[in-house]
PDB file of N, CA and C in Angstrom:
ATOM      1  N   UNK A   1      20.769  -5.504 -27.356  1.00  0.00           N
ATOM      2  CA  UNK A   1      19.516  -5.997 -26.720  1.00  0.00           C
ATOM      3  C   UNK A   1      19.108  -4.839 -25.829  1.00  0.00           C
ATOM      4  N   UNK A   2      17.791  -4.995 -25.882  1.00  0.00           N
ATOM      5  CA  UNK A   2      16.820  -3.733 -25.188  1.00  0.00           C
ATOM      6  C   UNK A   2      17.022  -4.121 -23.904  1.00  0.00           C
ATOM      7  N   UNK A   3      16.702  -2.678 -23.321  1.00  0.00           N
ATOM      8  CA  UNK A   3      16.229  -2.726 -21.524  1.00  0.00           C
ATOM      9  C   UNK A   3      15.189  -3.221 -21.477  1.00  0.00           C
ATOM     10  N   UNK A   4      15.080  -3.438 -20.062  1.00  0.00           N
ATOM     11  CA  UNK A   4      13.309  -4.246 -19.806  1.00  0.00           C
ATOM     12  C   UNK A   4      12.452  -3.221 -19.666  1.00  0.00           C
ATOM     13  N   UNK A   5      13.100  -2.121 -19.808  1.00  0.00           N
ATOM     14  CA  UNK A   5      11.849  -0.608 -19.652  1.00  0.00           C
ATOM     15  C   UNK A   5      12.021   0.006 -20.631  1.00  0.00           C
ATOM     16  N   UNK A   6      12.644  -0.731 -22.091  1.00  0.00           N
ATOM     17  CA  UNK A   6      12.441   0.085 -23.491  1.00  0.00           C
ATOM     18  C   UNK A   6      11.271  -0.076 -24.100  1.00  0.00           C
ATOM     19  N   UNK A   7      11.043   0.706 -25.216  1.00  0.00           N
ATOM     20  CA  UNK A   7       9.592   0.446 -25.837  1.00  0.00           C
ATOM     21  C   UNK A   7       9.341  -0.813 -26.145  1.00  0.00           C
ATOM     22  N   UNK A   8      10.176  -1.527 -26.387  1.00  0.00           N
ATOM     23  CA  UNK A   8      10.108  -3.275 -26.756  1.00  0.00           C
ATOM     24  C   UNK A   8       9.404  -3.654 -25.858  1.00  0.00           C
ATOM     25  N   UNK A   9       9.439  -3.399 -24.678  1.00  0.00           N
ATOM     26  CA  UNK A   9       8.716  -4.428 -23.679  1.00  0.00           C
ATOM     27  C   UNK A   9       7.741  -3.881 -23.208  1.00  0.00           C
ATOM     28  N   UNK A  10       7.411  -2.692 -23.185  1.00  0.00           N
ATOM     29  CA  UNK A  10       6.192  -2.031 -22.614  1.00  0.00           C
ATOM     30  C   UNK A  10       4.928  -2.694 -23.594  1.00  0.00           C
ATOM     31  N   UNK A  11       4.031  -2.646 -22.520  1.00  0.00           N
ATOM     32  CA  UNK A  11       2.428  -3.541 -22.615  1.00  0.00           C
ATOM     33  C   UNK A  11       2.478  -4.802 -22.940  1.00  0.00           C
ATOM     34  N   UNK A  12       3.682  -5.566 -22.988  1.00  0.00           N
ATOM     35  CA  UNK A  12       4.073  -6.932 -23.234  1.00  0.00           C
ATOM     36  C   UNK A  12       3.736  -7.944 -21.796  1.00  0.00           C
ATOM     37  N   UNK A  13       3.465  -7.169 -20.661  1.00  0.00           N
ATOM     38  CA  UNK A  13       3.252  -8.399 -19.502  1.00  0.00           C
ATOM     39  C   UNK A  13       4.477  -8.696 -19.007  1.00  0.00           C
ATOM     40  N   UNK A  14       5.157  -7.882 -19.007  1.00  0.00           N
ATOM     41  CA  UNK A  14       6.490  -8.630 -18.373  1.00  0.00           C
ATOM     42  C   UNK A  14       6.653  -8.354 -16.993  1.00  0.00           C
ATOM     43  N   UNK A  15       5.973  -6.763 -16.779  1.00  0.00           N
ATOM     44  CA  UNK A  15       6.027  -6.761 -15.441  1.00  0.00           C
ATOM     45  C   UNK A  15       4.996  -7.678 -14.412  1.00  0.00           C
ATOM     46  N   UNK A  16       4.077  -7.829 -14.968  1.00  0.00           N
ATOM     47  CA  UNK A  16       2.928  -8.849 -14.202  1.00  0.00           C
ATOM     48  C   UNK A  16       3.595 -10.160 -14.476  1.00  0.00           C
ATOM     49  N   UNK A  17       4.213 -10.674 -15.137  1.00  0.00           N
ATOM     50  CA  UNK A  17       4.785 -11.980 -15.134  1.00  0.00           C
ATOM     51  C   UNK A  17       5.899 -12.083 -14.032  1.00  0.00           C
ATOM     52  N   UNK A  18       6.610 -11.064 -14.080  1.00  0.00           N
ATOM     53  CA  UNK A  18       7.675 -11.135 -13.030  1.00  0.00           C
ATOM     54  C   UNK A  18       7.018 -10.892 -11.639  1.00  0.00           C
ATOM     55  N   UNK A  19       6.150 -10.426 -11.374  1.00  0.00           N
ATOM     56  CA  UNK A  19       5.298 -10.160 -10.218  1.00  0.00           C
ATOM     57  C   UNK A  19       4.803 -11.430  -9.519  1.00  0.00           C
ATOM     58  N   UNK A  20       4.271 -12.062 -10.924  1.00  0.00           N
ATOM     59  CA  UNK A  20       3.519 -13.497 -10.297  1.00  0.00           C
ATOM     60  C   UNK A  20       4.707 -14.589 -10.202  1.00  0.00           C
ATOM     61  N   UNK A  21       5.678 -14.439 -10.681  1.00  0.00           N
ATOM     62  CA  UNK A  21       6.942 -15.121 -10.374  1.00  0.00           C
ATOM     63  C   UNK A  21       7.503 -15.247  -8.828  1.00  0.00           C
ATOM     64  N   UNK A  22       7.612 -13.822  -8.635  1.00  0.00           N
ATOM     65  CA  UNK A  22       7.927 -13.378  -7.179  1.00  0.00           C
ATOM     66  C   UNK A  22       6.825 -13.673  -6.331  1.00  0.00           C
ATOM     67  N   UNK A  23       5.975 -13.837  -6.436  1.00  0.00           N
ATOM     68  CA  UNK A  23       5.242 -14.271  -5.651  1.00  0.00           C
ATOM     69  C   UNK A  23       4.794 -15.648  -5.751  1.00  0.00           C
ATOM     70  N   UNK A  24       4.886 -16.211  -6.275  1.00  0.00           N
ATOM     71  CA  UNK A  24       5.030 -17.897  -6.578  1.00  0.00           C
ATOM     72  C   UNK A  24       6.529 -17.941  -5.320  1.00  0.00           C
ATOM     73  N   UNK A  25       7.374 -17.207  -5.576  1.00  0.00           N
ATOM     74  CA  UNK A  25       8.561 -17.737  -5.085  1.00  0.00           C
ATOM     75  C   UNK A  25       8.451 -17.611  -3.323  1.00  0.00           C
ATOM     76  N   UNK A  26       8.001 -16.256  -3.325  1.00  0.00           N
ATOM     77  CA  UNK A  26       7.383 -15.744  -2.141  1.00  0.00           C
ATOM     78  C   UNK A  26       6.539 -17.156  -1.147  1.00  0.00           C
ATOM     79  N   UNK A  27       5.317 -17.534  -1.804  1.00  0.00           N
ATOM     80  CA  UNK A  27       4.256 -18.538  -1.042  1.00  0.00           C
ATOM     81  C   UNK A  27       5.400 -19.786  -1.238  1.00  0.00           C
ATOM     82  N   UNK A  28       6.497 -20.212  -2.013  1.00  0.00           N
ATOM     83  CA  UNK A  28       7.133 -21.638  -1.778  1.00  0.00           C
ATOM     84  C   UNK A  28       7.846 -21.505  -0.820  1.00  0.00           C
ATOM     85  N   UNK A  29       8.501 -20.134  -0.295  1.00  0.00           N
ATOM     86  CA  UNK A  29       9.297 -19.819   0.680  1.00  0.00           C
ATOM     87  C   UNK A  29       8.372 -19.845   2.282  1.00  0.00           C
ATOM     88  N   UNK A  30       7.226 -19.623   2.120  1.00  0.00           N
ATOM     89  CA  UNK A  30       6.396 -19.814   3.302  1.00  0.00           C
ATOM     90  C   UNK A  30       6.366 -18.240   3.900  1.00  0.00           C
ATOM     91  N   UNK A  31       6.298 -17.586   2.770  1.00  0.00           N
ATOM     92  CA  UNK A  31       6.055 -15.893   3.041  1.00  0.00           C
ATOM     93  C   UNK A  31       4.524 -15.882   3.432  1.00  0.00           C
ATOM     94  N   UNK A  32       4.173 -15.057   4.390  1.00  0.00           N
ATOM     95  CA  UNK A  32       2.421 -14.700   4.626  1.00  0.00           C
ATOM     96  C   UNK A  32       2.202 -13.734   3.722  1.00  0.00           C
ATOM     97  N   UNK A  33       2.938 -12.589   3.689  1.00  0.00           N
ATOM     98  CA  UNK A  33       2.622 -11.401   3.088  1.00  0.00           C
ATOM     99  C   UNK A  33       3.771 -10.602   2.409  1.00  0.00           C
ATOM    100  N   UNK A  34       3.719  -9.828   1.457  1.00  0.00           N
ATOM    101  CA  UNK A  34       4.705  -9.114   0.704  1.00  0.00           C
ATOM    102  C   UNK A  34       4.753  -7.721   0.890  1.00  0.00           C
ATOM    103  N   UNK A  35       5.401  -6.736   0.808  1.00  0.00           N
ATOM    104  CA  UNK A  35       5.572  -5.351   0.848  1.00  0.00           C
ATOM    105  C   UNK A  35       6.406  -5.127  -0.661  1.00  0.00           C
ATOM    106  N   UNK A  36       5.226  -4.435  -1.481  1.00  0.00           N
ATOM    107  CA  UNK A  36       5.928  -3.876  -2.416  1.00  0.00           C
ATOM    108  C   UNK A  36       6.048  -2.325  -2.444  1.00  0.00           C
ATOM    109  N   UNK A  37       7.071  -1.607  -3.133  1.00  0.00           N
ATOM    110  CA  UNK A  37       7.001   0.006  -3.033  1.00  0.00           C
ATOM    111  C   UNK A  37       7.462   0.425  -4.272  1.00  0.00           C
ATOM    112  N   UNK A  38       6.643   1.733  -4.748  1.00  0.00           N
ATOM    113  CA  UNK A  38       7.079   2.232  -5.933  1.00  0.00           C
ATOM    114  C   UNK A  38       7.177   3.515  -5.600  1.00  0.00           C
ATOM    115  N   UNK A  39       7.717   4.459  -6.685  1.00  0.00           N
ATOM    116  CA  UNK A  39       7.254   5.637  -6.419  1.00  0.00           C
ATOM    117  C   UNK A  39       5.941   6.424  -6.840  1.00  0.00           C
ATOM    118  N   UNK A  40       5.583   7.303  -6.449  1.00  0.00           N
ATOM    119  CA  UNK A  40       4.129   7.750  -6.264  1.00  0.00           C
ATOM    120  C   UNK A  40       3.602   7.919  -7.893  1.00  0.00           C
ATOM    121  N   UNK A  41       4.616   8.431  -8.662  1.00  0.00           N
ATOM    122  CA  UNK A  41       4.346   8.843 -10.039  1.00  0.00           C
ATOM    123  C   UNK A  41       4.618   7.669 -10.775  1.00  0.00           C
ATOM    124  N   UNK A  42       4.776   6.624 -10.721  1.00  0.00           N
ATOM    125  CA  UNK A  42       5.046   5.279 -11.406  1.00  0.00           C
ATOM    126  C   UNK A  42       3.841   4.853 -11.936  1.00  0.00           C
ATOM    127  N   UNK A  43       2.948   5.224 -12.387  1.00  0.00           N
ATOM    128  CA  UNK A  43       1.683   5.005 -12.758  1.00  0.00           C
ATOM    129  C   UNK A  43       1.344   3.301 -13.466  1.00  0.00           C
ATOM    130  N   UNK A  44       2.759   2.956 -14.244  1.00  0.00           N
ATOM    131  CA  UNK A  44       2.657   1.441 -14.562  1.00  0.00           C
ATOM    132  C   UNK A  44       2.962   0.756 -13.566  1.00  0.00           C
ATOM    133  N   UNK A  45       4.006   1.024 -12.554  1.00  0.00           N
ATOM    134  CA  UNK A  45       4.053   0.169 -11.132  1.00  0.00           C
ATOM    135  C   UNK A  45       2.785   0.104 -10.537  1.00  0.00           C
ATOM    136  N   UNK A  46       2.205   1.371 -10.534  1.00  0.00           N
ATOM    137  CA  UNK A  46       1.050   1.213  -9.672  1.00  0.00           C
ATOM    138  C   UNK A  46       0.068   0.415  -9.984  1.00  0.00           C
ATOM    139  N   UNK A  47      -0.304   0.474 -11.259  1.00  0.00           N
ATOM    140  CA  UNK A  47      -1.052  -0.576 -11.947  1.00  0.00           C
ATOM    141  C   UNK A  47      -0.550  -2.159 -11.938  1.00  0.00           C
ATOM    142  N   UNK A  48       0.499  -2.382 -12.069  1.00  0.00           N
ATOM    143  CA  UNK A  48       0.581  -3.616 -12.059  1.00  0.00           C
ATOM    144  C   UNK A  48       0.807  -3.933 -10.539  1.00  0.00           C
ATOM    145  N   UNK A  49       0.927  -3.674  -9.263  1.00  0.00           N
ATOM    146  CA  UNK A  49       0.703  -4.226  -8.022  1.00  0.00           C
ATOM    147  C   UNK A  49      -0.568  -4.134  -7.826  1.00  0.00           C
ATOM    148  N   UNK A  50      -1.414  -3.261  -8.237  1.00  0.00           N
ATOM    149  CA  UNK A  50      -2.806  -3.400  -7.740  1.00  0.00           C
ATOM    150  C   UNK A  50      -3.870  -4.280  -8.348  1.00  0.00           C
ATOM    151  N   UNK A  51      -2.969  -4.558  -9.962  1.00  0.00           N
ATOM    152  CA  UNK A  51      -3.717  -5.551 -10.389  1.00  0.00           C
ATOM    153  C   UNK A  51      -3.211  -7.077  -9.640  1.00  0.00           C
ATOM    154  N   UNK A  52      -1.731  -7.237  -9.061  1.00  0.00           N
ATOM    155  CA  UNK A  52      -1.763  -8.130  -8.954  1.00  0.00           C
ATOM    156  C   UNK A  52      -2.181  -8.495  -7.249  1.00  0.00           C
ATOM    157  N   UNK A  53      -2.870  -7.679  -7.151  1.00  0.00           N
ATOM    158  CA  UNK A  53      -3.513  -7.844  -5.530  1.00  0.00           C
ATOM    159  C   UNK A  53      -3.238  -6.577  -4.643  1.00  0.00           C
ATOM    160  N   UNK A  54      -2.256  -5.973  -4.719  1.00  0.00           N
ATOM    161  CA  UNK A  54      -1.816  -5.051  -3.874  1.00  0.00           C
ATOM    162  C   UNK A  54      -2.903  -4.217  -3.152  1.00  0.00           C
ATOM    163  N   UNK A  55      -2.360  -3.783  -1.553  1.00  0.00           N
ATOM    164  CA  UNK A  55      -3.297  -2.970  -0.952  1.00  0.00           C
ATOM    165  C   UNK A  55      -2.532  -1.756  -0.233  1.00  0.00           C
ATOM    166  N   UNK A  56      -3.217  -0.577  -0.895  1.00  0.00           N
ATOM    167  CA  UNK A  56      -2.102   0.622  -0.491  1.00  0.00           C
ATOM    168  C   UNK A  56      -2.406   0.540   0.970  1.00  0.00           C
ATOM    169  N   UNK A  57      -1.034   0.717   1.834  1.00  0.00           N
ATOM    170  CA  UNK A  57      -0.705   0.838   2.846  1.00  0.00           C
ATOM    171  C   UNK A  57      -0.756   2.407   2.973  1.00  0.00           C
ATOM    172  N   UNK A  58      -0.238   3.116   2.243  1.00  0.00           N
ATOM    173  CA  UNK A  58      -0.206   4.697   2.329  1.00  0.00           C
ATOM    174  C   UNK A  58       1.344   5.094   1.738  1.00  0.00           C
ATOM    175  N   UNK A  59       1.583   6.249   1.705  1.00  0.00           N
ATOM    176  CA  UNK A  59       2.624   7.008   0.846  1.00  0.00           C
ATOM    177  C   UNK A  59       3.201   7.687   1.992  1.00  0.00           C
ATOM    178  N   UNK A  60       4.891   7.050   1.735  1.00  0.00           N
ATOM    179  CA  UNK A  60       5.767   7.699   2.581  1.00  0.00           C
ATOM    180  C   UNK A  60       6.880   8.467   1.939  1.00  0.00           C
ATOM    181  N   UNK A  61       7.728   9.423   2.795  1.00  0.00           N
ATOM    182  CA  UNK A  61       8.674   9.999   2.077  1.00  0.00           C
ATOM    183  C   UNK A  61       9.791   9.220   2.576  1.00  0.00           C
ATOM    184  N   UNK A  62      10.561   9.060   1.522  1.00  0.00           N
ATOM    185  CA  UNK A  62      12.040   8.579   1.376  1.00  0.00           C
ATOM    186  C   UNK A  62      12.808   9.268   1.042  1.00  0.00           C
ATOM    187  N   UNK A  63      14.397   8.976   1.066  1.00  0.00           N
ATOM    188  CA  UNK A  63      15.559   9.567   0.372  1.00  0.00           C
ATOM    189  C   UNK A  63      15.589   9.634  -1.106  1.00  0.00           C
ATOM    190  N   UNK A  64      14.583   9.193  -1.927  1.00  0.00           N
ATOM    191  CA  UNK A  64      14.171   9.248  -2.973  1.00  0.00           C
ATOM    192  C   UNK A  64      13.138   9.841  -3.471  1.00  0.00           C
ATOM    193  N   UNK A  65      12.211  10.493  -2.365  1.00  0.00           N
ATOM    194  CA  UNK A  65      11.004  10.790  -2.849  1.00  0.00           C
ATOM    195  C   UNK A  65       9.805  10.651  -2.100  1.00  0.00           C
ATOM    196  N   UNK A  66       8.782  10.531  -2.148  1.00  0.00           N
ATOM    197  CA  UNK A  66       7.589   9.905  -1.890  1.00  0.00           C
ATOM    198  C   UNK A  66       7.667   8.386  -2.449  1.00  0.00           C
ATOM    199  N   UNK A  67       6.924   7.749  -1.816  1.00  0.00           N
ATOM    200  CA  UNK A  67       7.142   6.208  -2.376  1.00  0.00           C
ATOM    201  C   UNK A  67       5.341   5.727  -1.875  1.00  0.00           C
ATOM    202  N   UNK A  68       5.043   4.777  -2.898  1.00  0.00           N
ATOM    203  CA  UNK A  68       3.712   4.092  -2.459  1.00  0.00           C
ATOM    204  C   UNK A  68       4.150   2.751  -2.062  1.00  0.00           C
ATOM    205  N   UNK A  69       3.321   2.262  -0.474  1.00  0.00           N
ATOM    206  CA  UNK A  69       3.755   1.277  -0.098  1.00  0.00           C
ATOM    207  C   UNK A  69       2.405   0.077  -0.014  1.00  0.00           C
ATOM    208  N   UNK A  70       2.467  -0.954  -0.702  1.00  0.00           N
ATOM    209  CA  UNK A  70       1.172  -1.966  -1.077  1.00  0.00           C
ATOM    210  C   UNK A  70       1.771  -3.315  -0.148  1.00  0.00           C
ATOM    211  N   UNK A  71       0.753  -4.116   0.304  1.00  0.00           N
ATOM    212  CA  UNK A  71       0.968  -5.343   0.543  1.00  0.00           C
ATOM    213  C   UNK A  71       0.138  -6.326  -0.087  1.00  0.00           C
ATOM    214  N   UNK A  72       0.668  -7.223  -0.145  1.00  0.00           N
ATOM    215  CA  UNK A  72      -0.132  -8.557  -1.083  1.00  0.00           C
ATOM    216  C   UNK A  72      -0.118  -9.416  -0.017  1.00  0.00           C
ATOM    217  N   UNK A  73      -1.166  -9.755   0.379  1.00  0.00           N
ATOM    218  CA  UNK A  73      -1.434 -11.355   1.303  1.00  0.00           C
ATOM    219  C   UNK A  73      -1.667 -12.472   0.419  1.00  0.00           C
ATOM    220  N   UNK A  74      -0.500 -13.605   0.947  1.00  0.00           N
ATOM    221  CA  UNK A  74      -0.334 -14.623   0.173  1.00  0.00           C
ATOM    222  C   UNK A  74      -0.945 -15.896   0.738  1.00  0.00           C
TER     223      UNK A  74
END
């Protein structure tokens, strides 16, 4: 079985689909906004989050290196 981040999954919209389902679930639970965090150099995640409506709050240092923080209003 191929890993979700393997070459066979790239460019097929899996991350966009997963983000949409997660946002649907958050809405169903009555959540008003969602925080998404990704590494600053993970351009695929940055693109997915921004396409999904993410608004950059800023970049913060974490124990794993700098991370972008995005909010999506629901």
